[in-house]
Amino acid sequence: MNLETKWLEDFVALANTRSFSASARQRHVTQPAFSRRIRSLEQAVGKTLVDRSTTPVGLTPEGQLFLVTARNLVEQLNECLGHLRGLSMANEALDIVAAHSLALAFYPRWISRLQKGVGELPTRLVAMNVGDAIHVLREGNCDLMLGYHDPYATMQLDAEVFPSFSIGNAKMIPVCLADPDGLPCFPLSGNDSIPFLSYTQGAFLGRSVRMMLKNDPLRLRLKTVYETAMAEGLKGMALQGVGMAWIPDFCIREELTSGRLVRAGDTQWDIPLEVRLYRCSLVHKPGVERLWRQMMKLPRDFLQA
């Protein structure tokens, strides 16, 4: 097999832009020349990598798999050249994607604890919904993903390709504003309807709530008055007394301690959550490899936030 580095860079550019013309401009070549180079790559690999029947263009299943390897090779080559030019990569930041609730309320505490065990760890964090974060990890566009483990396996990741560390156990708690006597304004007990602050249909945490309520009569008393994909948004509305919501406990520690929010129901209504740190084993970035080795040496309870 005779592969040229520029073909790999061309393929990565095409995967990013989904456009032959845009990629050609980015690579500073004519579109016909760019198309010939992609064809040459496919001939060298022996597989069709690009689905040209769609607009914008897409990748075939073989192309999706090859993209991770292509990005990895280009990145490793660039890193090697950087070292040869005397550019130290030791302090290169790791790109981490995380669910919104984890990025805002979980990550700062966890990364601070982790750095006590592994030393200085420069990172760049981007918050997004869980589905998008999984897509970014699968595409090889991030180094690590901070996400919830899915006990219902609806978004399960292959453990061999995407190994993970369990880094925290949490729970979603039903909470609402307290009345003047310190009691919940919208208790789950009783027979009255309850104004419900809900996660949107595609939100990961929302699915967990729906699974818990699936066969419970309580769901008939919940009247949705507000929806958002973000736990912080539900917390804000709960603090305004708009309704009741299930919110991760690490998002509402201060509010529960101060009494600004109280439980709307007892522990039978809590929903367990597990937080994990994922990587893609097909990507061999030195900083990620080093961190993974260091984490494997730490006591299990040290990794828990």
C-alpha atoms as a PDB file:
ATOM      1  CA  MET A   1       0.000   0.000   0.000  1.00  0.00           C
ATOM      2  CA  ASN A   2       1.400   3.383  -1.036  1.00  0.00           C
ATOM      3  CA  LEU A   3      -0.312   6.213   0.862  1.00  0.00           C
ATOM      4  CA  GLU A   4       0.670   9.854   0.607  1.00  0.00           C
ATOM      5  CA  THR A   5       0.334  12.011   3.696  1.00  0.00           C
ATOM      6  CA  LYS A   6      -1.421  14.742   1.727  1.00  0.00           C
ATOM      7  CA  TRP A   7      -4.161  12.273   0.808  1.00  0.00           C
ATOM      8  CA  LEU A   8      -4.862  11.617   4.476  1.00  0.00           C
ATOM      9  CA  GLU A   9      -4.964  15.358   5.166  1.00  0.00           C
ATOM     10  CA  ASP A  10      -7.288  15.780   2.172  1.00  0.00           C
ATOM     11  CA  PHE A  11      -9.605  13.084   3.509  1.00  0.00           C
ATOM     12  CA  VAL A  12      -9.723  14.637   6.990  1.00  0.00           C
ATOM     13  CA  ALA A  13     -10.530  18.021   5.408  1.00  0.00           C
ATOM     14  CA  LEU A  14     -13.339  16.473   3.337  1.00  0.00           C
ATOM     15  CA  ALA A  15     -14.772  14.742   6.413  1.00  0.00           C
ATOM     16  CA  ASN A  16     -14.866  18.121   8.171  1.00  0.00           C
ATOM     17  CA  THR A  17     -16.373  20.203   5.349  1.00  0.00           C
ATOM     18  CA  ARG A  18     -18.526  17.544   3.609  1.00  0.00           C
ATOM     19  CA  SER A  19     -17.795  19.477   0.402  1.00  0.00           C
ATOM     20  CA  PHE A  20     -15.268  18.789  -2.359  1.00  0.00           C
ATOM     21  CA  SER A  21     -15.154  22.442  -3.420  1.00  0.00           C
ATOM     22  CA  ALA A  22     -14.724  23.783   0.131  1.00  0.00           C
ATOM     23  CA  SER A  23     -12.061  21.193   0.893  1.00  0.00           C
ATOM     24  CA  ALA A  24     -10.189  21.993  -2.310  1.00  0.00           C
ATOM     25  CA  ARG A  25     -10.087  25.674  -1.343  1.00  0.00           C
ATOM     26  CA  GLN A  26      -8.906  24.748   2.145  1.00  0.00           C
ATOM     27  CA  ARG A  27      -6.159  22.542   0.710  1.00  0.00           C
ATOM     28  CA  HIS A  28      -5.184  25.171  -1.895  1.00  0.00           C
ATOM     29  CA  VAL A  29      -5.735  22.957  -4.936  1.00  0.00           C
ATOM     30  CA  THR A  30      -8.265  22.873  -7.749  1.00  0.00           C
ATOM     31  CA  GLN A  31     -11.389  20.813  -7.227  1.00  0.00           C
ATOM     32  CA  PRO A  32     -10.508  18.306 -10.001  1.00  0.00           C
ATOM     33  CA  ALA A  33      -7.053  17.805  -8.459  1.00  0.00           C
ATOM     34  CA  PHE A  34      -8.573  17.351  -5.021  1.00  0.00           C
ATOM     35  CA  SER A  35     -11.084  14.810  -6.342  1.00  0.00           C
ATOM     36  CA  ARG A  36      -8.272  12.844  -8.029  1.00  0.00           C
ATOM     37  CA  ARG A  37      -6.360  12.715  -4.753  1.00  0.00           C
ATOM     38  CA  ILE A  38      -9.378  11.345  -2.878  1.00  0.00           C
ATOM     39  CA  ARG A  39      -9.816   8.732  -5.641  1.00  0.00           C
ATOM     40  CA  SER A  40      -6.149   7.809  -5.309  1.00  0.00           C
ATOM     41  CA  LEU A  41      -6.591   7.345  -1.558  1.00  0.00           C
ATOM     42  CA  GLU A  42      -9.608   5.084  -2.095  1.00  0.00           C
ATOM     43  CA  GLN A  43      -7.656   3.025  -4.665  1.00  0.00           C
ATOM     44  CA  ALA A  44      -4.741   2.663  -2.263  1.00  0.00           C
ATOM     45  CA  VAL A  45      -7.041   1.599   0.597  1.00  0.00           C
ATOM     46  CA  GLY A  46      -9.101  -0.633  -1.659  1.00  0.00           C
ATOM     47  CA  LYS A  47     -12.426   0.692  -0.367  1.00  0.00           C
ATOM     48  CA  THR A  48     -14.911   3.421  -1.253  1.00  0.00           C
ATOM     49  CA  LEU A  49     -14.567   5.922   1.576  1.00  0.00           C
ATOM     50  CA  VAL A  50     -16.821   8.743   0.368  1.00  0.00           C
ATOM     51  CA  ASP A  51     -20.532   8.557  -0.411  1.00  0.00           C
ATOM     52  CA  ARG A  52     -20.856  10.934  -3.362  1.00  0.00           C
ATOM     53  CA  SER A  53     -24.584  10.309  -3.819  1.00  0.00           C
ATOM     54  CA  THR A  54     -25.601  12.716  -1.051  1.00  0.00           C
ATOM     55  CA  THR A  55     -25.381  16.495  -0.653  1.00  0.00           C
ATOM     56  CA  PRO A  56     -23.439  17.355   1.378  1.00  0.00           C
ATOM     57  CA  VAL A  57     -21.237  14.345   0.748  1.00  0.00           C
ATOM     58  CA  GLY A  58     -20.974  11.741   3.472  1.00  0.00           C
ATOM     59  CA  LEU A  59     -18.690   8.918   4.445  1.00  0.00           C
ATOM     60  CA  THR A  60     -19.337   5.242   3.873  1.00  0.00           C
ATOM     61  CA  PRO A  61     -19.134   2.910   6.897  1.00  0.00           C
ATOM     62  CA  GLU A  62     -15.592   2.081   5.781  1.00  0.00           C
ATOM     63  CA  GLY A  63     -14.885   5.801   5.527  1.00  0.00           C
ATOM     64  CA  GLN A  64     -16.151   6.435   9.049  1.00  0.00           C
ATOM     65  CA  LEU A  65     -13.814   3.749  10.393  1.00  0.00           C
ATOM     66  CA  PHE A  66     -10.859   4.947   8.319  1.00  0.00           C
ATOM     67  CA  LEU A  67     -11.420   8.563   9.424  1.00  0.00           C
ATOM     68  CA  VAL A  68     -10.359   7.783  12.999  1.00  0.00           C
ATOM     69  CA  THR A  69      -7.131   6.203  11.733  1.00  0.00           C
ATOM     70  CA  ALA A  70      -6.474   9.029   9.261  1.00  0.00           C
ATOM     71  CA  ARG A  71      -6.914  11.696  11.931  1.00  0.00           C
ATOM     72  CA  ASN A  72      -4.709   9.727  14.279  1.00  0.00           C
ATOM     73  CA  LEU A  73      -1.903   9.366  11.703  1.00  0.00           C
ATOM     74  CA  VAL A  74      -2.022  13.042  10.697  1.00  0.00           C
ATOM     75  CA  GLU A  75      -2.007  14.121  14.334  1.00  0.00           C
ATOM     76  CA  GLN A  76       0.875  11.830  15.254  1.00  0.00           C
ATOM     77  CA  LEU A  77       2.907  13.015  12.282  1.00  0.00           C
ATOM     78  CA  ASN A  78       2.308  16.664  13.170  1.00  0.00           C
ATOM     79  CA  GLU A  79       3.273  15.995  16.777  1.00  0.00           C
ATOM     80  CA  CYS A  80       6.456  14.222  15.689  1.00  0.00           C
ATOM     81  CA  LEU A  81       7.391  17.083  13.399  1.00  0.00           C
ATOM     82  CA  GLY A  82       6.711  19.488  16.236  1.00  0.00           C
ATOM     83  CA  HIS A  83       9.124  17.606  18.455  1.00  0.00           C
ATOM     84  CA  LEU A  84      11.753  17.547  15.735  1.00  0.00           C
ATOM     85  CA  ARG A  85      11.409  21.294  15.425  1.00  0.00           C
ATOM     86  CA  GLY A  86      11.946  21.649  19.147  1.00  0.00           C
ATOM     87  CA  LEU A  87       8.311  22.384  19.954  1.00  0.00           C
ATOM     88  CA  SER A  88       7.514  20.751  23.275  1.00  0.00           C
ATOM     89  CA  MET A  89       4.163  19.018  23.366  1.00  0.00           C
ATOM     90  CA  ALA A  90       4.341  18.255  27.097  1.00  0.00           C
ATOM     91  CA  ASN A  91       1.875  20.967  28.052  1.00  0.00           C
ATOM     92  CA  GLU A  92      -0.551  20.506  25.174  1.00  0.00           C
ATOM     93  CA  ALA A  93      -4.114  20.793  26.420  1.00  0.00           C
ATOM     94  CA  LEU A  94      -6.456  17.821  26.185  1.00  0.00           C
ATOM     95  CA  ASP A  95      -9.790  18.456  24.469  1.00  0.00           C
ATOM     96  CA  ILE A  96     -12.675  17.227  26.621  1.00  0.00           C
ATOM     97  CA  VAL A  97     -16.369  17.251  25.757  1.00  0.00           C
ATOM     98  CA  ALA A  98     -18.933  16.920  28.531  1.00  0.00           C
ATOM     99  CA  ALA A  99     -22.657  16.953  29.145  1.00  0.00           C
ATOM    100  CA  HIS A 100     -23.812  20.439  30.148  1.00  0.00           C
ATOM    101  CA  SER A 101     -24.665  19.489  33.734  1.00  0.00           C
ATOM    102  CA  LEU A 102     -21.304  17.758  34.201  1.00  0.00           C
ATOM    103  CA  ALA A 103     -19.351  20.629  32.662  1.00  0.00           C
ATOM    104  CA  LEU A 104     -20.900  23.214  34.966  1.00  0.00           C
ATOM    105  CA  ALA A 105     -21.269  21.441  38.296  1.00  0.00           C
ATOM    106  CA  PHE A 106     -19.191  18.236  38.259  1.00  0.00           C
ATOM    107  CA  TYR A 107     -16.052  18.904  36.212  1.00  0.00           C
ATOM    108  CA  PRO A 108     -14.407  21.661  38.307  1.00  0.00           C
ATOM    109  CA  ARG A 109     -14.457  19.581  41.500  1.00  0.00           C
ATOM    110  CA  TRP A 110     -13.380  16.389  39.708  1.00  0.00           C
ATOM    111  CA  ILE A 111     -10.484  17.876  37.693  1.00  0.00           C
ATOM    112  CA  SER A 112      -9.159  19.609  40.795  1.00  0.00           C
ATOM    113  CA  ARG A 113      -9.089  16.280  42.641  1.00  0.00           C
ATOM    114  CA  LEU A 114      -7.561  14.427  39.682  1.00  0.00           C
ATOM    115  CA  GLN A 115      -4.699  16.903  39.351  1.00  0.00           C
ATOM    116  CA  LYS A 116      -3.666  16.132  42.927  1.00  0.00           C
ATOM    117  CA  GLY A 117      -2.941  12.610  41.720  1.00  0.00           C
ATOM    118  CA  VAL A 118      -1.527  13.153  38.213  1.00  0.00           C
ATOM    119  CA  GLY A 119      -0.078  16.663  38.420  1.00  0.00           C
ATOM    120  CA  GLU A 120      -0.774  19.650  36.174  1.00  0.00           C
ATOM    121  CA  LEU A 121      -3.281  18.774  33.465  1.00  0.00           C
ATOM    122  CA  PRO A 122      -4.072  21.486  30.875  1.00  0.00           C
ATOM    123  CA  THR A 123      -7.531  20.932  29.397  1.00  0.00           C
ATOM    124  CA  ARG A 124     -10.033  22.562  27.044  1.00  0.00           C
ATOM    125  CA  LEU A 125     -13.652  21.807  27.924  1.00  0.00           C
ATOM    126  CA  VAL A 126     -16.658  22.063  25.609  1.00  0.00           C
ATOM    127  CA  ALA A 127     -20.186  21.496  26.936  1.00  0.00           C
ATOM    128  CA  MET A 128     -22.831  19.856  24.744  1.00  0.00           C
ATOM    129  CA  ASN A 129     -25.688  17.400  25.014  1.00  0.00           C
ATOM    130  CA  VAL A 130     -24.817  13.751  25.586  1.00  0.00           C
ATOM    131  CA  GLY A 131     -25.762  12.578  22.089  1.00  0.00           C
ATOM    132  CA  ASP A 132     -23.550  15.178  20.429  1.00  0.00           C
ATOM    133  CA  ALA A 133     -20.692  14.408  22.821  1.00  0.00           C
ATOM    134  CA  ILE A 134     -20.826  10.708  21.891  1.00  0.00           C
ATOM    135  CA  HIS A 135     -20.807  11.642  18.195  1.00  0.00           C
ATOM    136  CA  VAL A 136     -17.756  13.887  18.679  1.00  0.00           C
ATOM    137  CA  LEU A 137     -15.920  11.078  20.502  1.00  0.00           C
ATOM    138  CA  ARG A 138     -16.786   8.542  17.803  1.00  0.00           C
ATOM    139  CA  GLU A 139     -15.595  10.926  15.093  1.00  0.00           C
ATOM    140  CA  GLY A 140     -12.239  11.356  16.831  1.00  0.00           C
ATOM    141  CA  ASN A 141     -12.805  15.096  17.306  1.00  0.00           C
ATOM    142  CA  CYS A 142     -11.999  15.126  21.024  1.00  0.00           C
ATOM    143  CA  ASP A 143      -9.529  13.430  23.337  1.00  0.00           C
ATOM    144  CA  LEU A 144     -11.880  12.536  26.187  1.00  0.00           C
ATOM    145  CA  MET A 145     -15.599  12.548  26.940  1.00  0.00           C
ATOM    146  CA  LEU A 146     -17.156  13.114  30.328  1.00  0.00           C
ATOM    147  CA  GLY A 147     -20.583  11.541  30.256  1.00  0.00           C
ATOM    148  CA  TYR A 148     -23.199   9.470  31.996  1.00  0.00           C
ATOM    149  CA  HIS A 149     -23.148   5.700  31.759  1.00  0.00           C
ATOM    150  CA  ASP A 150     -26.332   4.490  30.121  1.00  0.00           C
ATOM    151  CA  PRO A 151     -27.775   1.593  32.173  1.00  0.00           C
ATOM    152  CA  TYR A 152     -30.470   1.047  29.522  1.00  0.00           C
ATOM    153  CA  ALA A 153     -27.821   0.558  26.791  1.00  0.00           C
ATOM    154  CA  THR A 154     -29.635   2.848  24.352  1.00  0.00           C
ATOM    155  CA  MET A 155     -26.418   4.778  23.681  1.00  0.00           C
ATOM    156  CA  GLN A 156     -23.900   2.106  24.686  1.00  0.00           C
ATOM    157  CA  LEU A 157     -20.292   2.465  23.535  1.00  0.00           C
ATOM    158  CA  ASP A 158     -18.138  -0.534  22.635  1.00  0.00           C
ATOM    159  CA  ALA A 159     -15.959  -1.017  25.722  1.00  0.00           C
ATOM    160  CA  GLU A 160     -12.971  -2.212  23.670  1.00  0.00           C
ATOM    161  CA  VAL A 161     -12.975   0.749  21.306  1.00  0.00           C
ATOM    162  CA  PHE A 162     -14.109   3.260  23.939  1.00  0.00           C
ATOM    163  CA  PRO A 163     -12.627   2.245  27.316  1.00  0.00           C
ATOM    164  CA  SER A 164     -13.728   4.243  30.336  1.00  0.00           C
ATOM    165  CA  PHE A 165     -13.118   4.973  33.995  1.00  0.00           C
ATOM    166  CA  SER A 166     -15.959   5.273  36.484  1.00  0.00           C
ATOM    167  CA  ILE A 167     -15.293   8.632  38.131  1.00  0.00           C
ATOM    168  CA  GLY A 168     -18.423   9.357  40.125  1.00  0.00           C
ATOM    169  CA  ASN A 169     -21.774   8.148  41.398  1.00  0.00           C
ATOM    170  CA  ALA A 170     -24.621  10.599  41.730  1.00  0.00           C
ATOM    171  CA  LYS A 171     -28.393  10.663  41.729  1.00  0.00           C
ATOM    172  CA  MET A 172     -31.213  12.791  40.425  1.00  0.00           C
ATOM    173  CA  ILE A 173     -33.446  14.112  43.170  1.00  0.00           C
ATOM    174  CA  PRO A 174     -37.016  15.440  42.813  1.00  0.00           C
ATOM    175  CA  VAL A 175     -36.885  18.998  44.163  1.00  0.00           C
ATOM    176  CA  CYS A 176     -38.968  22.150  44.315  1.00  0.00           C
ATOM    177  CA  LEU A 177     -39.276  25.416  46.210  1.00  0.00           C
ATOM    178  CA  ALA A 178     -40.225  25.265  49.903  1.00  0.00           C
ATOM    179  CA  ASP A 179     -43.315  26.905  51.381  1.00  0.00           C
ATOM    180  CA  PRO A 180     -43.032  29.206  54.452  1.00  0.00           C
ATOM    181  CA  ASP A 181     -43.025  26.145  56.722  1.00  0.00           C
ATOM    182  CA  GLY A 182     -40.109  24.570  54.858  1.00  0.00           C
ATOM    183  CA  LEU A 183     -42.283  21.937  53.222  1.00  0.00           C
ATOM    184  CA  PRO A 184     -42.280  21.245  49.457  1.00  0.00           C
ATOM    185  CA  CYS A 185     -44.654  23.416  47.453  1.00  0.00           C
ATOM    186  CA  PHE A 186     -45.243  20.527  45.038  1.00  0.00           C
ATOM    187  CA  PRO A 187     -44.987  17.231  46.963  1.00  0.00           C
ATOM    188  CA  LEU A 188     -45.079  13.953  45.085  1.00  0.00           C
ATOM    189  CA  SER A 189     -47.324  12.480  47.768  1.00  0.00           C
ATOM    190  CA  GLY A 190     -51.030  13.179  47.586  1.00  0.00           C
ATOM    191  CA  ASN A 191     -53.414  13.314  44.646  1.00  0.00           C
ATOM    192  CA  ASP A 192     -53.011  16.846  43.304  1.00  0.00           C
ATOM    193  CA  SER A 193     -51.534  17.545  39.875  1.00  0.00           C
ATOM    194  CA  ILE A 194     -47.915  18.719  39.934  1.00  0.00           C
ATOM    195  CA  PRO A 195     -46.424  21.404  37.658  1.00  0.00           C
ATOM    196  CA  PHE A 196     -43.558  19.515  36.063  1.00  0.00           C
ATOM    197  CA  LEU A 197     -40.257  20.992  34.871  1.00  0.00           C
ATOM    198  CA  SER A 198     -39.202  18.486  32.229  1.00  0.00           C
ATOM    199  CA  TYR A 199     -36.149  17.661  30.158  1.00  0.00           C
ATOM    200  CA  THR A 200     -36.686  17.816  26.409  1.00  0.00           C
ATOM    201  CA  GLN A 201     -37.341  14.601  24.506  1.00  0.00           C
ATOM    202  CA  GLY A 202     -33.763  14.019  23.347  1.00  0.00           C
ATOM    203  CA  ALA A 203     -32.055  14.862  26.650  1.00  0.00           C
ATOM    204  CA  PHE A 204     -30.234  11.936  28.292  1.00  0.00           C
ATOM    205  CA  LEU A 205     -31.408  12.819  31.807  1.00  0.00           C
ATOM    206  CA  GLY A 206     -34.949  13.120  30.548  1.00  0.00           C
ATOM    207  CA  ARG A 207     -34.869   9.546  29.299  1.00  0.00           C
ATOM    208  CA  SER A 208     -33.779   8.380  32.744  1.00  0.00           C
ATOM    209  CA  VAL A 209     -36.748  10.181  34.305  1.00  0.00           C
ATOM    210  CA  ARG A 210     -39.158   8.722  31.761  1.00  0.00           C
ATOM    211  CA  MET A 211     -37.841   5.202  32.351  1.00  0.00           C
ATOM    212  CA  MET A 212     -38.383   5.586  36.088  1.00  0.00           C
ATOM    213  CA  LEU A 213     -41.937   6.889  35.625  1.00  0.00           C
ATOM    214  CA  LYS A 214     -42.867   4.511  32.800  1.00  0.00           C
ATOM    215  CA  ASN A 215     -45.160   2.270  34.824  1.00  0.00           C
ATOM    216  CA  ASP A 216     -45.848   4.534  37.789  1.00  0.00           C
ATOM    217  CA  PRO A 217     -49.232   6.281  38.280  1.00  0.00           C
ATOM    218  CA  LEU A 218     -47.362   9.429  39.315  1.00  0.00           C
ATOM    219  CA  ARG A 219     -46.716  10.246  35.663  1.00  0.00           C
ATOM    220  CA  LEU A 220     -50.444  10.965  35.231  1.00  0.00           C
ATOM    221  CA  ARG A 221     -50.256  13.748  37.831  1.00  0.00           C
ATOM    222  CA  LEU A 222     -47.267  15.497  36.259  1.00  0.00           C
ATOM    223  CA  LYS A 223     -48.330  18.434  34.081  1.00  0.00           C
ATOM    224  CA  THR A 224     -45.421  19.757  32.043  1.00  0.00           C
ATOM    225  CA  VAL A 225     -45.120  23.540  32.321  1.00  0.00           C
ATOM    226  CA  TYR A 226     -41.544  23.982  31.066  1.00  0.00           C
ATOM    227  CA  GLU A 227     -38.971  22.022  29.075  1.00  0.00           C
ATOM    228  CA  THR A 228     -35.225  22.370  28.536  1.00  0.00           C
ATOM    229  CA  ALA A 229     -32.318  20.034  27.830  1.00  0.00           C
ATOM    230  CA  MET A 230     -30.206  21.484  30.651  1.00  0.00           C
ATOM    231  CA  ALA A 231     -30.407  20.664  34.347  1.00  0.00           C
ATOM    232  CA  GLU A 232     -29.238  24.177  35.237  1.00  0.00           C
ATOM    233  CA  GLY A 233     -32.233  25.576  33.363  1.00  0.00           C
ATOM    234  CA  LEU A 234     -34.615  23.398  35.360  1.00  0.00           C
ATOM    235  CA  LYS A 235     -32.910  24.445  38.581  1.00  0.00           C
ATOM    236  CA  GLY A 236     -33.428  28.097  37.723  1.00  0.00           C
ATOM    237  CA  MET A 237     -37.139  27.573  37.120  1.00  0.00           C
ATOM    238  CA  ALA A 238     -37.499  25.488  40.303  1.00  0.00           C
ATOM    239  CA  LEU A 239     -35.909  28.328  42.286  1.00  0.00           C
ATOM    240  CA  GLN A 240     -38.558  30.636  40.857  1.00  0.00           C
ATOM    241  CA  GLY A 241     -41.288  28.368  42.204  1.00  0.00           C
ATOM    242  CA  VAL A 242     -42.552  27.357  38.761  1.00  0.00           C
ATOM    243  CA  GLY A 243     -42.639  23.621  39.422  1.00  0.00           C
ATOM    244  CA  MET A 244     -40.883  20.401  40.417  1.00  0.00           C
ATOM    245  CA  ALA A 245     -37.925  18.780  38.616  1.00  0.00           C
ATOM    246  CA  TRP A 246     -35.487  15.890  38.866  1.00  0.00           C
ATOM    247  CA  ILE A 247     -32.013  17.433  39.098  1.00  0.00           C
ATOM    248  CA  PRO A 248     -28.575  15.807  39.677  1.00  0.00           C
ATOM    249  CA  ASP A 249     -27.553  16.193  43.299  1.00  0.00           C
ATOM    250  CA  PHE A 250     -24.171  17.738  42.448  1.00  0.00           C
ATOM    251  CA  CYS A 251     -26.025  20.598  40.727  1.00  0.00           C
ATOM    252  CA  ILE A 252     -28.046  21.545  43.804  1.00  0.00           C
ATOM    253  CA  ARG A 253     -25.780  20.965  46.813  1.00  0.00           C
ATOM    254  CA  GLU A 254     -25.828  24.598  47.928  1.00  0.00           C
ATOM    255  CA  GLU A 255     -29.556  25.043  47.310  1.00  0.00           C
ATOM    256  CA  LEU A 256     -30.436  21.960  49.374  1.00  0.00           C
ATOM    257  CA  THR A 257     -28.083  22.956  52.188  1.00  0.00           C
ATOM    258  CA  SER A 258     -29.524  26.484  52.352  1.00  0.00           C
ATOM    259  CA  GLY A 259     -33.104  25.259  52.074  1.00  0.00           C
ATOM    260  CA  ARG A 260     -33.743  27.236  48.886  1.00  0.00           C
ATOM    261  CA  LEU A 261     -34.793  23.926  47.355  1.00  0.00           C
ATOM    262  CA  VAL A 262     -36.209  20.911  49.185  1.00  0.00           C
ATOM    263  CA  ARG A 263     -37.034  17.357  48.300  1.00  0.00           C
ATOM    264  CA  ALA A 264     -40.434  16.892  46.708  1.00  0.00           C
ATOM    265  CA  GLY A 265     -40.359  13.186  47.548  1.00  0.00           C
ATOM    266  CA  ASP A 266     -38.367  10.682  49.595  1.00  0.00           C
ATOM    267  CA  THR A 267     -35.449   8.545  48.400  1.00  0.00           C
ATOM    268  CA  GLN A 268     -37.644   6.041  46.580  1.00  0.00           C
ATOM    269  CA  TRP A 269     -37.907   8.676  43.826  1.00  0.00           C
ATOM    270  CA  ASP A 270     -34.143   9.147  43.454  1.00  0.00           C
ATOM    271  CA  ILE A 271     -32.591   8.078  40.134  1.00  0.00           C
ATOM    272  CA  PRO A 272     -29.006   6.741  40.308  1.00  0.00           C
ATOM    273  CA  LEU A 273     -26.404   8.101  37.886  1.00  0.00           C
ATOM    274  CA  GLU A 274     -22.892   6.923  37.091  1.00  0.00           C
ATOM    275  CA  VAL A 275     -20.357   9.324  35.581  1.00  0.00           C
ATOM    276  CA  ARG A 276     -17.571   7.975  33.384  1.00  0.00           C
ATOM    277  CA  LEU A 277     -14.561   9.333  31.520  1.00  0.00           C
ATOM    278  CA  TYR A 278     -14.260   7.849  28.018  1.00  0.00           C
ATOM    279  CA  ARG A 279     -11.533   7.794  25.383  1.00  0.00           C
ATOM    280  CA  CYS A 280     -11.165   6.229  21.934  1.00  0.00           C
ATOM    281  CA  SER A 281      -8.546   3.456  21.920  1.00  0.00           C
ATOM    282  CA  LEU A 282      -7.920   4.001  18.197  1.00  0.00           C
ATOM    283  CA  VAL A 283      -6.452   7.436  18.919  1.00  0.00           C
ATOM    284  CA  HIS A 284      -2.965   7.435  20.410  1.00  0.00           C
ATOM    285  CA  LYS A 285      -2.332  10.993  21.483  1.00  0.00           C
ATOM    286  CA  PRO A 286       0.652  11.043  23.870  1.00  0.00           C
ATOM    287  CA  GLY A 287      -1.102  13.224  26.453  1.00  0.00           C
ATOM    288  CA  VAL A 288      -4.122  10.907  26.579  1.00  0.00           C
ATOM    289  CA  GLU A 289      -1.963   7.792  26.770  1.00  0.00           C
ATOM    290  CA  ARG A 290       0.038   9.325  29.612  1.00  0.00           C
ATOM    291  CA  LEU A 291      -3.073  10.351  31.547  1.00  0.00           C
ATOM    292  CA  TRP A 292      -4.665   6.911  31.096  1.00  0.00           C
ATOM    293  CA  ARG A 293      -1.572   5.177  32.451  1.00  0.00           C
ATOM    294  CA  GLN A 294      -1.485   7.528  35.429  1.00  0.00           C
ATOM    295  CA  MET A 295      -5.169   6.997  36.178  1.00  0.00           C
ATOM    296  CA  MET A 296      -4.740   3.211  36.087  1.00  0.00           C
ATOM    297  CA  LYS A 297      -2.184   3.509  38.903  1.00  0.00           C
ATOM    298  CA  LEU A 298      -4.463   5.561  41.156  1.00  0.00           C
ATOM    299  CA  PRO A 299      -6.697   3.930  43.803  1.00  0.00           C
ATOM    300  CA  ARG A 300     -10.241   3.504  42.528  1.00  0.00           C
ATOM    301  CA  ASP A 301     -11.710   5.733  45.228  1.00  0.00           C
ATOM    302  CA  PHE A 302      -9.267   8.504  44.313  1.00  0.00           C
ATOM    303  CA  LEU A 303     -10.842   8.812  40.867  1.00  0.00           C
ATOM    304  CA  GLN A 304     -14.289   9.348  42.342  1.00  0.00           C
ATOM    305  CA  ALA A 305     -15.360  12.973  42.575  1.00  0.00           C
END
